[in-house]
N, C-alpha and C. Protein backbone atom coordinates (compact mmCIF):
# COMPACT_ATOMS: atom_id res chain seq x y z
N MET A 1 0.88 -1.19 -0.02
CA MET A 1 0.00 0.11 -0.01
C MET A 1 0.89 1.29 0.04
N PHE A 2 0.38 2.15 -0.78
CA PHE A 2 1.20 3.31 -0.99
C PHE A 2 0.75 4.27 0.05
N GLN A 3 1.69 5.08 0.69
CA GLN A 3 1.38 6.12 1.70
C GLN A 3 1.56 7.38 1.14
N LEU A 4 0.43 8.24 1.24
CA LEU A 4 0.46 9.58 0.74
C LEU A 4 1.10 10.47 1.71
N THR A 5 2.09 11.13 1.18
CA THR A 5 3.00 12.16 2.04
C THR A 5 2.48 13.59 1.58
N PRO A 6 2.27 14.46 2.53
CA PRO A 6 1.90 15.81 2.25
C PRO A 6 3.06 16.56 1.52
N PRO A 7 2.71 17.50 0.61
CA PRO A 7 3.75 18.19 -0.17
C PRO A 7 4.60 18.93 0.91
N ALA A 8 5.85 18.99 0.52
CA ALA A 8 6.72 19.84 1.41
C ALA A 8 6.30 21.33 1.40
N ARG A 9 6.33 21.88 2.56
CA ARG A 9 5.94 23.25 2.62
C ARG A 9 7.10 24.16 2.14
N ARG A 10 6.67 25.18 1.40
CA ARG A 10 7.77 26.14 1.02
C ARG A 10 8.17 26.93 2.19
N ARG A 11 9.37 27.25 2.14
CA ARG A 11 9.88 28.03 3.29
C ARG A 11 9.65 29.36 2.91
N GLN A 12 8.88 30.12 3.92
CA GLN A 12 8.42 31.44 3.93
C GLN A 12 9.64 32.33 4.13
N ARG A 13 9.84 33.39 3.18
CA ARG A 13 10.99 34.20 3.43
C ARG A 13 10.50 35.62 3.48
N GLY A 14 10.96 36.27 4.46
CA GLY A 14 10.49 37.69 4.62
C GLY A 14 11.47 38.76 3.83
N LEU A 15 11.24 40.04 3.84
CA LEU A 15 12.00 40.95 3.25
C LEU A 15 13.43 40.95 3.78
N THR A 16 14.41 41.05 2.84
CA THR A 16 15.53 41.09 3.31
C THR A 16 15.97 42.70 3.65
N LEU A 17 17.11 42.89 4.41
CA LEU A 17 17.27 44.24 4.76
C LEU A 17 17.52 45.24 3.56
N LEU A 18 18.17 44.61 2.54
CA LEU A 18 18.34 45.48 1.29
C LEU A 18 17.00 45.82 0.66
N GLU A 19 16.07 44.72 0.64
CA GLU A 19 14.82 44.97 -0.05
C GLU A 19 13.93 46.16 0.76
N LEU A 20 14.01 45.92 2.11
CA LEU A 20 13.39 46.93 3.05
C LEU A 20 13.98 48.29 2.87
N LEU A 21 15.28 48.39 2.84
CA LEU A 21 15.79 49.80 2.61
C LEU A 21 15.50 50.44 1.17
N LEU A 22 15.41 49.51 0.22
CA LEU A 22 15.00 50.07 -1.14
C LEU A 22 13.61 50.48 -1.05
N THR A 23 12.76 49.75 -0.45
CA THR A 23 11.21 50.25 -0.37
C THR A 23 11.05 51.56 0.31
N LEU A 24 11.86 51.63 1.47
CA LEU A 24 11.79 52.79 2.36
C LEU A 24 12.30 54.15 1.57
N THR A 25 13.33 53.80 0.70
CA THR A 25 13.93 54.84 -0.13
C THR A 25 12.92 55.35 -1.22
N ILE A 26 12.25 54.41 -1.81
CA ILE A 26 11.24 54.70 -2.86
C ILE A 26 10.15 55.56 -2.37
N PHE A 27 9.63 55.00 -1.12
CA PHE A 27 8.58 55.70 -0.43
C PHE A 27 8.93 57.01 -0.04
N ALA A 28 10.16 57.23 0.52
CA ALA A 28 10.61 58.65 0.94
C ALA A 28 10.74 59.63 -0.32
N PHE A 29 11.04 58.97 -1.42
CA PHE A 29 11.18 59.80 -2.69
C PHE A 29 9.83 60.20 -3.13
N MET A 30 8.85 59.35 -3.03
CA MET A 30 7.52 59.69 -3.54
C MET A 30 6.94 60.71 -2.60
N LEU A 31 7.24 60.65 -1.27
CA LEU A 31 6.67 61.74 -0.38
C LEU A 31 7.32 62.98 -0.64
N ALA A 32 8.64 63.05 -1.01
CA ALA A 32 9.38 64.19 -1.20
C ALA A 32 8.78 65.00 -2.41
N ILE A 33 8.36 64.26 -3.34
CA ILE A 33 7.71 64.79 -4.59
C ILE A 33 6.19 65.19 -4.36
N GLY A 34 5.59 64.10 -3.82
CA GLY A 34 4.00 64.29 -3.77
C GLY A 34 3.50 65.31 -2.72
N ILE A 35 4.11 65.51 -1.51
CA ILE A 35 3.63 66.32 -0.56
C ILE A 35 3.74 67.71 -0.99
N PRO A 36 4.81 68.37 -1.48
CA PRO A 36 4.93 69.64 -1.95
C PRO A 36 3.89 69.96 -3.09
N ASN A 37 3.72 69.00 -4.00
CA ASN A 37 2.88 69.11 -5.10
C ASN A 37 1.53 69.23 -4.62
N ALA A 38 1.13 68.33 -3.63
CA ALA A 38 -0.24 68.35 -3.04
C ALA A 38 -0.49 69.56 -2.41
N SER A 39 0.48 70.13 -1.58
CA SER A 39 0.34 71.29 -0.75
C SER A 39 0.04 72.55 -1.83
N ASN A 40 0.77 72.52 -2.97
CA ASN A 40 0.52 73.61 -3.98
C ASN A 40 -0.76 73.52 -4.51
N TRP A 41 -1.28 72.39 -4.79
CA TRP A 41 -2.53 72.12 -5.42
C TRP A 41 -3.68 72.66 -4.63
N LEU A 42 -3.51 72.22 -3.26
CA LEU A 42 -4.49 72.74 -2.32
C LEU A 42 -4.63 74.15 -2.19
N LEU A 43 -3.43 74.71 -2.12
CA LEU A 43 -3.41 76.19 -1.90
C LEU A 43 -3.76 76.98 -3.11
N SER A 44 -3.60 76.39 -4.31
CA SER A 44 -3.97 76.89 -5.55
C SER A 44 -5.63 76.96 -5.66
N ASN A 45 -6.10 75.84 -5.22
CA ASN A 45 -7.59 75.82 -5.07
C ASN A 45 -8.26 76.81 -4.21
N ARG A 46 -7.67 76.96 -3.08
CA ARG A 46 -8.18 77.92 -2.19
C ARG A 46 -7.98 79.24 -2.63
N ALA A 47 -6.90 79.52 -3.33
CA ALA A 47 -6.74 80.97 -3.96
C ALA A 47 -7.67 81.20 -5.08
N ARG A 48 -8.01 80.14 -5.88
CA ARG A 48 -9.13 80.32 -6.88
C ARG A 48 -10.46 80.49 -6.26
N SER A 49 -10.71 79.93 -5.13
CA SER A 49 -12.03 80.01 -4.48
C SER A 49 -12.30 81.40 -3.89
N ALA A 50 -11.18 82.14 -3.68
CA ALA A 50 -11.33 83.56 -2.91
C ALA A 50 -12.22 84.37 -3.76
N SER A 51 -12.08 84.30 -5.04
CA SER A 51 -13.08 85.31 -5.94
C SER A 51 -14.44 84.80 -5.77
N GLU A 52 -14.73 83.52 -5.56
CA GLU A 52 -16.24 83.01 -5.38
C GLU A 52 -16.63 83.63 -3.98
N PHE A 53 -15.71 83.64 -3.08
CA PHE A 53 -16.10 84.14 -1.59
C PHE A 53 -16.73 85.63 -1.78
N TYR A 54 -16.00 86.40 -2.49
CA TYR A 54 -16.36 87.83 -2.63
C TYR A 54 -17.55 87.99 -3.60
N ALA A 55 -17.54 87.10 -4.77
CA ALA A 55 -18.72 87.17 -5.62
C ALA A 55 -19.98 86.84 -4.85
N ASP A 56 -19.93 85.82 -3.97
CA ASP A 56 -21.07 85.54 -3.17
C ASP A 56 -21.60 86.67 -2.50
N GLY A 57 -20.71 87.64 -1.93
CA GLY A 57 -21.12 88.76 -1.07
C GLY A 57 -21.89 89.65 -2.02
N PHE A 58 -21.31 90.01 -3.03
CA PHE A 58 -22.02 91.01 -4.01
C PHE A 58 -23.38 90.60 -4.59
N SER A 59 -23.40 89.23 -4.82
CA SER A 59 -24.64 88.64 -5.26
C SER A 59 -25.67 88.59 -4.16
N LEU A 60 -25.25 88.27 -2.97
CA LEU A 60 -26.19 88.31 -1.80
C LEU A 60 -26.87 89.73 -1.61
N ALA A 61 -25.95 90.76 -1.72
CA ALA A 61 -26.32 92.09 -1.45
C ALA A 61 -27.43 92.63 -2.39
N ARG A 62 -27.20 92.21 -3.71
CA ARG A 62 -28.05 92.59 -4.79
C ARG A 62 -29.39 91.91 -4.68
N ARG A 63 -29.16 90.57 -4.29
CA ARG A 63 -30.51 89.72 -4.23
C ARG A 63 -31.29 90.09 -2.96
N GLN A 64 -30.78 90.49 -1.89
CA GLN A 64 -31.64 90.92 -0.80
C GLN A 64 -32.33 92.18 -1.09
N ALA A 65 -31.56 93.26 -1.75
CA ALA A 65 -32.42 94.44 -2.15
C ALA A 65 -33.64 94.23 -2.94
N VAL A 66 -33.47 93.26 -3.92
CA VAL A 66 -34.63 92.91 -4.77
C VAL A 66 -35.72 92.17 -4.03
N MET A 67 -35.24 91.15 -3.14
CA MET A 67 -36.18 90.30 -2.47
C MET A 67 -36.99 91.00 -1.34
N HIS A 68 -36.35 92.10 -0.75
CA HIS A 68 -37.03 92.69 0.31
C HIS A 68 -37.57 94.19 -0.11
N ASN A 69 -37.41 94.47 -1.39
CA ASN A 69 -37.69 95.71 -2.06
C ASN A 69 -37.14 96.83 -1.16
N SER A 70 -35.93 96.71 -0.77
CA SER A 70 -35.24 97.53 0.07
C SER A 70 -33.92 98.05 -0.53
N PHE A 71 -33.35 99.03 0.31
CA PHE A 71 -31.93 99.36 -0.06
C PHE A 71 -31.03 98.32 0.55
N SER A 72 -29.96 98.10 0.04
CA SER A 72 -28.93 97.14 0.53
C SER A 72 -27.48 97.67 0.44
N ARG A 73 -26.66 97.08 1.12
CA ARG A 73 -25.20 97.56 0.95
C ARG A 73 -24.25 96.34 1.38
N ILE A 74 -23.08 96.10 0.76
CA ILE A 74 -22.08 95.34 1.11
C ILE A 74 -20.89 96.05 1.66
N SER A 75 -20.35 95.73 2.89
CA SER A 75 -19.21 96.40 3.41
C SER A 75 -18.13 95.56 3.64
N LEU A 76 -16.95 95.82 3.10
CA LEU A 76 -15.79 94.89 3.29
C LEU A 76 -14.92 95.57 4.32
N SER A 77 -14.41 94.68 5.16
CA SER A 77 -13.41 95.14 6.22
C SER A 77 -12.30 94.14 6.46
N PRO A 78 -11.10 94.59 6.78
CA PRO A 78 -9.91 93.81 7.02
C PRO A 78 -9.94 92.76 7.81
N ASN A 79 -9.64 91.53 7.54
CA ASN A 79 -9.51 90.40 8.47
C ASN A 79 -8.15 90.29 8.95
N VAL A 80 -8.08 90.37 10.37
CA VAL A 80 -6.67 90.51 10.85
C VAL A 80 -5.91 89.16 10.78
N ASN A 81 -6.53 88.06 10.60
CA ASN A 81 -5.83 86.85 10.52
C ASN A 81 -5.33 86.50 9.16
N SER A 82 -6.13 86.76 8.17
CA SER A 82 -5.67 86.30 6.70
C SER A 82 -5.07 87.61 6.14
N GLY A 83 -5.54 88.79 6.35
CA GLY A 83 -5.23 89.97 5.54
C GLY A 83 -6.10 90.10 4.37
N GLN A 84 -7.05 89.21 4.22
CA GLN A 84 -8.11 89.37 3.10
C GLN A 84 -9.25 90.21 3.74
N MET A 85 -10.42 90.25 3.20
CA MET A 85 -11.37 91.03 3.53
C MET A 85 -12.69 90.33 3.89
N ASP A 86 -13.20 90.55 5.13
CA ASP A 86 -14.48 89.98 5.55
C ASP A 86 -15.67 90.82 4.82
N TRP A 87 -16.90 90.25 4.82
CA TRP A 87 -17.93 91.14 4.09
C TRP A 87 -19.22 90.96 5.03
N GLN A 88 -19.94 92.04 4.98
CA GLN A 88 -21.32 92.04 5.67
C GLN A 88 -22.29 92.65 4.74
N VAL A 89 -23.52 92.11 4.69
CA VAL A 89 -24.65 92.51 3.91
C VAL A 89 -25.73 93.14 4.78
N ASP A 90 -26.07 94.47 4.67
CA ASP A 90 -27.13 95.02 5.51
C ASP A 90 -28.23 95.48 4.54
N ILE A 91 -29.43 95.71 5.09
CA ILE A 91 -30.53 96.21 4.27
C ILE A 91 -31.17 97.43 5.08
N CYS A 92 -31.98 98.21 4.26
CA CYS A 92 -32.59 99.32 4.96
C CYS A 92 -33.88 99.74 4.25
N PHE A 93 -34.98 100.16 4.93
CA PHE A 93 -36.08 100.47 4.37
C PHE A 93 -36.49 101.86 4.61
N VAL A 94 -36.77 102.63 3.39
CA VAL A 94 -36.95 104.05 3.46
C VAL A 94 -38.23 104.37 4.40
N SER A 95 -38.12 105.37 5.17
CA SER A 95 -39.13 105.89 6.10
C SER A 95 -39.00 107.36 6.19
N PRO A 96 -39.86 108.05 6.93
CA PRO A 96 -39.75 109.45 7.25
C PRO A 96 -38.50 109.70 8.00
N ALA A 97 -37.89 108.72 8.73
CA ALA A 97 -36.80 108.84 9.52
C ALA A 97 -35.52 108.62 8.80
N THR A 98 -35.43 108.01 7.71
CA THR A 98 -34.30 107.80 7.06
C THR A 98 -34.56 107.59 5.44
N GLN A 99 -33.55 108.06 4.73
CA GLN A 99 -33.69 107.82 3.21
C GLN A 99 -32.55 106.72 2.82
N CYS A 100 -32.12 106.04 3.92
CA CYS A 100 -31.13 105.02 3.52
C CYS A 100 -29.75 105.42 2.98
N GLY A 101 -29.31 106.62 3.34
CA GLY A 101 -28.05 107.18 2.86
C GLY A 101 -26.89 106.34 3.70
N ALA A 102 -25.70 106.74 3.21
CA ALA A 102 -24.55 106.06 3.80
C ALA A 102 -24.35 106.43 5.24
N ALA A 103 -24.63 107.71 5.50
CA ALA A 103 -24.44 108.19 6.97
C ALA A 103 -25.61 108.05 7.79
N GLU A 104 -26.66 107.59 7.33
CA GLU A 104 -27.89 107.55 8.01
C GLU A 104 -28.16 106.26 8.89
N THR A 105 -28.82 106.32 10.02
CA THR A 105 -29.13 105.06 10.74
C THR A 105 -30.31 104.33 10.05
N GLY A 106 -30.79 103.29 10.67
CA GLY A 106 -31.86 102.62 10.23
C GLY A 106 -31.40 101.22 9.61
N TRP A 107 -30.14 101.05 9.28
CA TRP A 107 -29.75 99.77 8.62
C TRP A 107 -29.81 98.59 9.67
N SER A 108 -29.92 97.41 9.04
CA SER A 108 -29.99 96.24 9.86
C SER A 108 -28.54 95.93 10.33
N THR A 109 -28.46 95.15 11.45
CA THR A 109 -27.16 94.73 11.78
C THR A 109 -27.28 93.22 12.09
N VAL A 110 -26.25 92.69 12.47
CA VAL A 110 -26.10 91.15 12.63
C VAL A 110 -26.97 90.70 13.81
N ASN A 111 -27.31 91.72 14.67
CA ASN A 111 -28.22 91.38 15.81
C ASN A 111 -29.58 92.01 15.79
N THR A 112 -29.87 92.99 15.03
CA THR A 112 -31.11 93.54 14.94
C THR A 112 -31.62 93.77 13.51
N PRO A 113 -32.84 93.71 13.22
CA PRO A 113 -33.46 94.02 11.83
C PRO A 113 -33.38 95.54 11.59
N ALA A 114 -33.67 95.90 10.29
CA ALA A 114 -33.72 97.22 9.92
C ALA A 114 -34.79 97.83 10.58
N ALA A 115 -34.54 99.11 10.86
CA ALA A 115 -35.79 100.05 11.38
C ALA A 115 -36.86 99.99 10.14
N ASN A 116 -38.11 99.80 10.61
CA ASN A 116 -39.23 99.91 9.68
C ASN A 116 -39.36 98.72 8.77
N ASP A 117 -38.64 97.60 9.31
CA ASP A 117 -38.75 96.23 8.56
C ASP A 117 -40.22 95.79 8.66
N PRO A 118 -40.74 95.43 7.53
CA PRO A 118 -42.15 94.97 7.61
C PRO A 118 -42.44 93.72 8.51
N GLU A 119 -41.29 92.99 8.64
CA GLU A 119 -41.47 91.65 9.29
C GLU A 119 -41.32 92.01 10.95
N GLY A 120 -40.92 93.17 11.29
CA GLY A 120 -40.80 93.59 12.61
C GLY A 120 -39.43 92.85 13.21
N ALA A 121 -39.70 92.29 14.46
CA ALA A 121 -38.59 91.63 15.04
C ALA A 121 -38.00 90.33 14.41
N ALA A 122 -38.83 89.85 13.62
CA ALA A 122 -38.51 88.66 12.84
C ALA A 122 -37.75 88.94 11.53
N GLY A 123 -37.62 90.26 11.31
CA GLY A 123 -37.14 90.70 9.96
C GLY A 123 -35.58 90.17 9.67
N TYR A 124 -35.18 90.60 8.64
CA TYR A 124 -33.82 90.15 8.12
C TYR A 124 -32.70 90.87 9.07
N ARG A 125 -31.76 89.99 9.39
CA ARG A 125 -30.56 90.38 10.10
C ARG A 125 -29.39 90.31 9.12
N SER A 126 -28.49 91.26 9.31
CA SER A 126 -27.20 91.26 8.46
C SER A 126 -26.56 89.96 8.37
N VAL A 127 -25.96 89.70 7.22
CA VAL A 127 -25.21 88.41 7.04
C VAL A 127 -23.74 88.78 6.99
N TYR A 128 -22.99 88.18 7.83
CA TYR A 128 -21.47 88.42 8.02
C TYR A 128 -20.65 87.21 7.56
N ARG A 129 -19.69 87.38 6.90
CA ARG A 129 -18.82 86.28 6.49
C ARG A 129 -17.38 86.71 6.64
N ALA A 130 -16.64 85.77 7.47
CA ALA A 130 -15.21 86.09 7.72
C ALA A 130 -14.37 85.33 6.72
N ALA A 131 -13.22 86.10 6.41
CA ALA A 131 -12.27 85.44 5.47
C ALA A 131 -11.12 84.73 5.93
N ASP A 132 -11.36 84.11 7.20
CA ASP A 132 -10.35 83.42 7.78
C ASP A 132 -9.81 82.32 7.19
N SER A 133 -10.72 81.48 6.41
CA SER A 133 -10.16 80.35 5.62
C SER A 133 -9.51 80.71 4.30
N LEU A 134 -9.55 81.87 3.69
CA LEU A 134 -8.91 82.31 2.54
C LEU A 134 -7.43 82.38 2.82
N PRO A 135 -6.69 82.22 1.50
CA PRO A 135 -5.12 82.42 1.64
C PRO A 135 -4.81 83.59 2.15
N ASN A 136 -3.66 83.81 3.03
CA ASN A 136 -3.35 85.09 3.51
C ASN A 136 -2.86 85.96 2.34
N SER A 137 -2.73 87.35 2.69
CA SER A 137 -2.47 88.30 1.86
C SER A 137 -1.04 88.16 1.16
N GLU A 138 -0.03 87.42 1.93
CA GLU A 138 1.18 86.99 1.29
C GLU A 138 1.13 86.11 0.18
N VAL A 139 -0.06 85.51 0.04
CA VAL A 139 -0.18 84.61 -1.09
C VAL A 139 -1.11 85.19 -2.22
N LEU A 140 -2.25 85.78 -1.71
CA LEU A 140 -3.19 86.43 -2.54
C LEU A 140 -3.34 87.91 -2.08
N LEU A 141 -3.10 88.94 -2.83
CA LEU A 141 -3.28 90.24 -2.33
C LEU A 141 -4.50 90.88 -2.92
N PRO A 142 -5.59 91.27 -1.97
CA PRO A 142 -6.75 91.85 -2.55
C PRO A 142 -6.41 93.56 -2.51
N SER A 143 -6.92 94.18 -3.57
CA SER A 143 -7.10 95.56 -3.68
C SER A 143 -8.34 96.03 -4.35
N THR A 144 -8.76 97.21 -4.01
CA THR A 144 -10.02 97.77 -4.61
C THR A 144 -9.76 98.99 -5.31
N LEU A 145 -10.69 99.42 -6.26
CA LEU A 145 -10.79 100.56 -6.91
C LEU A 145 -12.13 101.18 -6.77
N PRO A 146 -12.20 102.56 -6.55
CA PRO A 146 -11.08 103.48 -6.37
C PRO A 146 -10.30 103.05 -5.10
N GLU A 147 -9.03 103.24 -4.95
CA GLU A 147 -8.27 103.03 -3.91
C GLU A 147 -8.88 103.26 -2.55
N GLY A 148 -8.99 102.42 -1.57
CA GLY A 148 -9.59 102.60 -0.20
C GLY A 148 -11.15 102.48 -0.25
N SER A 149 -11.70 102.33 -1.31
CA SER A 149 -13.14 101.94 -1.27
C SER A 149 -13.54 100.59 -0.71
N SER A 150 -14.66 100.51 -0.16
CA SER A 150 -14.92 99.20 0.59
C SER A 150 -16.51 98.94 0.64
N GLN A 151 -17.29 99.84 -0.08
CA GLN A 151 -18.81 99.50 -0.05
C GLN A 151 -19.48 99.64 -1.40
N VAL A 152 -20.59 98.99 -1.46
CA VAL A 152 -21.42 99.11 -2.68
C VAL A 152 -22.87 99.09 -2.06
N TYR A 153 -23.50 100.26 -2.54
CA TYR A 153 -25.02 100.32 -2.13
C TYR A 153 -25.88 100.01 -3.25
N TYR A 154 -27.05 99.30 -3.07
CA TYR A 154 -27.86 98.79 -4.00
C TYR A 154 -29.29 99.47 -3.84
N THR A 155 -29.94 99.77 -4.83
CA THR A 155 -31.36 100.22 -4.88
C THR A 155 -32.32 99.14 -4.81
N PRO A 156 -33.66 99.30 -4.49
CA PRO A 156 -34.55 98.25 -4.43
C PRO A 156 -34.74 97.39 -5.73
N ILE A 157 -34.36 97.92 -6.78
CA ILE A 157 -34.52 97.09 -8.04
C ILE A 157 -33.05 96.43 -8.40
N GLY A 158 -32.11 96.47 -7.49
CA GLY A 158 -30.90 95.78 -7.63
C GLY A 158 -29.77 96.51 -8.42
N TRP A 159 -30.02 97.78 -8.79
CA TRP A 159 -28.95 98.59 -9.41
C TRP A 159 -28.04 99.20 -8.38
N VAL A 160 -26.92 99.61 -8.61
CA VAL A 160 -25.93 100.28 -7.82
C VAL A 160 -26.57 101.66 -7.59
N ASP A 161 -26.55 102.10 -6.22
CA ASP A 161 -26.99 103.51 -5.81
C ASP A 161 -25.89 104.42 -5.95
N THR A 162 -26.08 105.18 -7.03
CA THR A 162 -24.85 106.21 -7.37
C THR A 162 -24.86 107.40 -6.48
N ARG A 163 -25.81 107.51 -5.55
CA ARG A 163 -25.61 108.50 -4.59
C ARG A 163 -24.45 108.51 -3.68
N PHE A 164 -23.98 107.20 -3.64
CA PHE A 164 -22.81 106.92 -2.79
C PHE A 164 -21.63 107.14 -3.65
N ALA A 165 -20.88 108.14 -3.55
CA ALA A 165 -19.77 108.54 -4.49
C ALA A 165 -18.61 107.67 -4.31
N GLN A 166 -18.28 107.18 -3.21
CA GLN A 166 -17.12 106.46 -2.92
C GLN A 166 -17.36 104.98 -2.97
N ARG A 167 -18.23 104.61 -3.86
CA ARG A 167 -18.66 103.18 -4.09
C ARG A 167 -17.39 102.38 -4.72
N LEU A 168 -17.29 101.08 -4.34
CA LEU A 168 -16.31 100.22 -4.87
C LEU A 168 -16.83 99.87 -6.36
N THR A 169 -15.92 99.88 -7.24
CA THR A 169 -16.24 99.55 -8.53
C THR A 169 -15.50 98.22 -9.09
N SER A 170 -14.38 97.99 -8.38
CA SER A 170 -13.64 96.77 -8.68
C SER A 170 -12.81 96.15 -7.50
N LEU A 171 -12.82 94.89 -7.49
CA LEU A 171 -11.95 94.16 -6.49
C LEU A 171 -11.03 93.34 -7.30
N ARG A 172 -9.73 93.38 -7.02
CA ARG A 172 -8.74 92.69 -7.76
C ARG A 172 -7.95 91.80 -6.70
N LEU A 173 -7.58 90.58 -7.28
CA LEU A 173 -6.85 89.52 -6.38
C LEU A 173 -5.53 89.17 -7.20
N ASP A 174 -4.51 89.52 -6.65
CA ASP A 174 -3.13 89.24 -7.30
C ASP A 174 -2.40 88.22 -6.48
N PRO A 175 -1.87 87.13 -7.23
CA PRO A 175 -1.09 86.25 -6.43
C PRO A 175 0.22 86.62 -6.31
N ALA A 176 0.96 85.97 -5.33
CA ALA A 176 2.39 86.32 -5.08
C ALA A 176 3.18 85.70 -6.37
N ALA A 177 4.42 86.35 -6.50
CA ALA A 177 5.20 85.97 -7.83
C ALA A 177 5.29 84.33 -7.80
N LYS A 178 5.59 83.77 -6.69
CA LYS A 178 5.87 82.29 -6.66
C LYS A 178 4.55 81.45 -7.11
N TYR A 179 3.40 82.06 -7.01
CA TYR A 179 2.25 81.37 -7.30
C TYR A 179 1.56 81.95 -8.74
N ALA A 180 2.36 82.59 -9.38
CA ALA A 180 1.75 83.25 -10.60
C ALA A 180 1.46 82.26 -11.67
N ASN A 181 2.08 81.05 -11.65
CA ASN A 181 1.89 80.11 -12.84
C ASN A 181 0.70 79.31 -12.40
N GLU A 182 0.37 79.14 -11.05
CA GLU A 182 -0.70 78.32 -10.71
C GLU A 182 -2.08 79.10 -10.39
N VAL A 183 -1.85 80.28 -9.97
CA VAL A 183 -3.11 81.16 -9.79
C VAL A 183 -3.17 82.30 -10.56
N PRO A 184 -4.29 82.38 -11.36
CA PRO A 184 -4.43 83.60 -12.37
C PRO A 184 -4.82 84.76 -11.45
N VAL A 185 -4.44 85.87 -12.01
CA VAL A 185 -5.09 87.35 -11.59
C VAL A 185 -6.43 87.24 -11.86
N VAL A 186 -7.15 87.73 -10.97
CA VAL A 186 -8.67 87.83 -11.34
C VAL A 186 -9.28 89.12 -10.68
N ALA A 187 -10.23 89.70 -11.40
CA ALA A 187 -10.94 90.93 -10.72
C ALA A 187 -12.35 90.72 -10.89
N LEU A 188 -13.05 91.25 -9.76
CA LEU A 188 -14.54 91.43 -9.82
C LEU A 188 -14.96 92.82 -10.17
N VAL A 189 -15.67 93.09 -11.15
CA VAL A 189 -16.05 94.41 -11.60
C VAL A 189 -17.57 94.43 -11.34
N VAL A 190 -17.92 95.57 -10.48
CA VAL A 190 -19.49 95.65 -10.29
C VAL A 190 -20.02 96.70 -11.18
N THR A 191 -20.88 96.22 -12.04
CA THR A 191 -21.50 97.18 -13.09
C THR A 191 -22.59 97.99 -12.31
N LEU A 192 -23.10 99.00 -13.13
CA LEU A 192 -24.10 99.84 -12.51
C LEU A 192 -25.50 99.06 -12.44
N ALA A 193 -25.59 97.98 -13.14
CA ALA A 193 -26.69 97.13 -13.06
C ALA A 193 -26.72 96.28 -11.77
N GLY A 194 -25.55 96.40 -11.06
CA GLY A 194 -25.40 95.70 -9.77
C GLY A 194 -24.77 94.29 -9.78
N MET A 195 -24.41 93.93 -11.08
CA MET A 195 -23.76 92.56 -11.37
C MET A 195 -22.32 92.57 -11.02
N ALA A 196 -21.90 91.58 -10.28
CA ALA A 196 -20.34 91.45 -10.18
C ALA A 196 -19.88 90.40 -11.21
N SER A 197 -19.05 90.75 -12.16
CA SER A 197 -18.61 89.84 -13.15
C SER A 197 -17.00 89.72 -12.96
N LYS A 198 -16.70 88.30 -13.19
CA LYS A 198 -15.24 88.12 -13.23
C LYS A 198 -14.49 88.45 -14.51
N CYS A 199 -13.31 88.91 -14.36
CA CYS A 199 -12.55 89.13 -15.52
C CYS A 199 -11.16 89.19 -15.30
N ASP A 200 -10.41 89.35 -16.40
CA ASP A 200 -8.92 89.40 -16.33
C ASP A 200 -8.35 90.78 -16.53
N PRO A 201 -7.99 91.46 -15.42
CA PRO A 201 -7.51 92.89 -15.72
C PRO A 201 -6.25 93.01 -16.62
N ARG A 202 -5.58 92.07 -16.84
CA ARG A 202 -4.29 92.16 -17.73
C ARG A 202 -4.59 92.10 -19.27
N LEU A 203 -5.78 91.73 -19.65
CA LEU A 203 -6.06 91.46 -20.99
C LEU A 203 -6.45 92.81 -21.68
N PRO A 204 -6.31 92.89 -22.98
CA PRO A 204 -6.72 94.05 -23.69
C PRO A 204 -8.24 94.06 -23.98
N ALA A 205 -8.85 95.25 -24.09
CA ALA A 205 -10.25 95.41 -24.29
C ALA A 205 -10.82 94.51 -25.34
N SER A 206 -10.05 94.20 -26.45
CA SER A 206 -10.56 93.35 -27.44
C SER A 206 -10.83 91.94 -27.00
N ASP A 207 -10.30 91.52 -25.94
CA ASP A 207 -10.39 90.10 -25.49
C ASP A 207 -11.87 90.04 -24.68
N THR A 208 -12.57 89.00 -24.90
CA THR A 208 -13.89 88.97 -24.25
C THR A 208 -13.75 88.59 -22.64
N ARG A 209 -12.57 88.13 -22.35
CA ARG A 209 -12.28 87.88 -20.90
C ARG A 209 -11.74 89.15 -20.14
N ALA A 210 -11.54 90.34 -20.82
CA ALA A 210 -11.04 91.44 -20.28
C ALA A 210 -12.07 92.21 -19.49
N CYS A 211 -11.63 92.87 -18.53
CA CYS A 211 -12.65 93.69 -17.68
C CYS A 211 -13.15 94.87 -18.45
N PRO A 212 -14.41 95.20 -18.11
CA PRO A 212 -15.19 96.23 -18.82
C PRO A 212 -14.57 97.51 -18.40
N PRO A 213 -14.53 98.67 -19.24
CA PRO A 213 -13.98 99.92 -18.75
C PRO A 213 -14.67 100.56 -17.73
């Protein structure tokens, strides 16, 4: 009678020291290349999203004016953490006590509705957005035109209120020199119709992507 014998087990072999060192070297090389590239990619995406942050503010201000049939304004203020600009959108209803001018009271705040708000105590409260999450100003530098301007006022039909002479007409975002290849220069131009449109301020007027005059 034949006796079956189990097949001989193959001897299990682990990694040799040389193979382990080679694996670690390749892994370290991939990290050295991948981590900086990933960091630059994330930073570039954050920089590109900055224009959306500001565009949302202008759009909200115009929308609230039309929605409430009121005056509205957006105010930009320096963010001490990032060097970018926070924004706040307020509304105001015309009454015998106020014509909703820049220096007049009656505007909404983040804590209280506007005076004469038809909804009373349940009325609209100002919306405030901080720019803490945006790239700092050493990466992406904001500037406004006219220089030093920081507000846009809107009429109840969503057009820019031209009574406010120092109104902001353009917001520009310039990347630092080291990010110039990854992050494009972008500007937001606020037209008299109240629309904030993105454009490239470096292009000639004949280019459709150029900023309007």
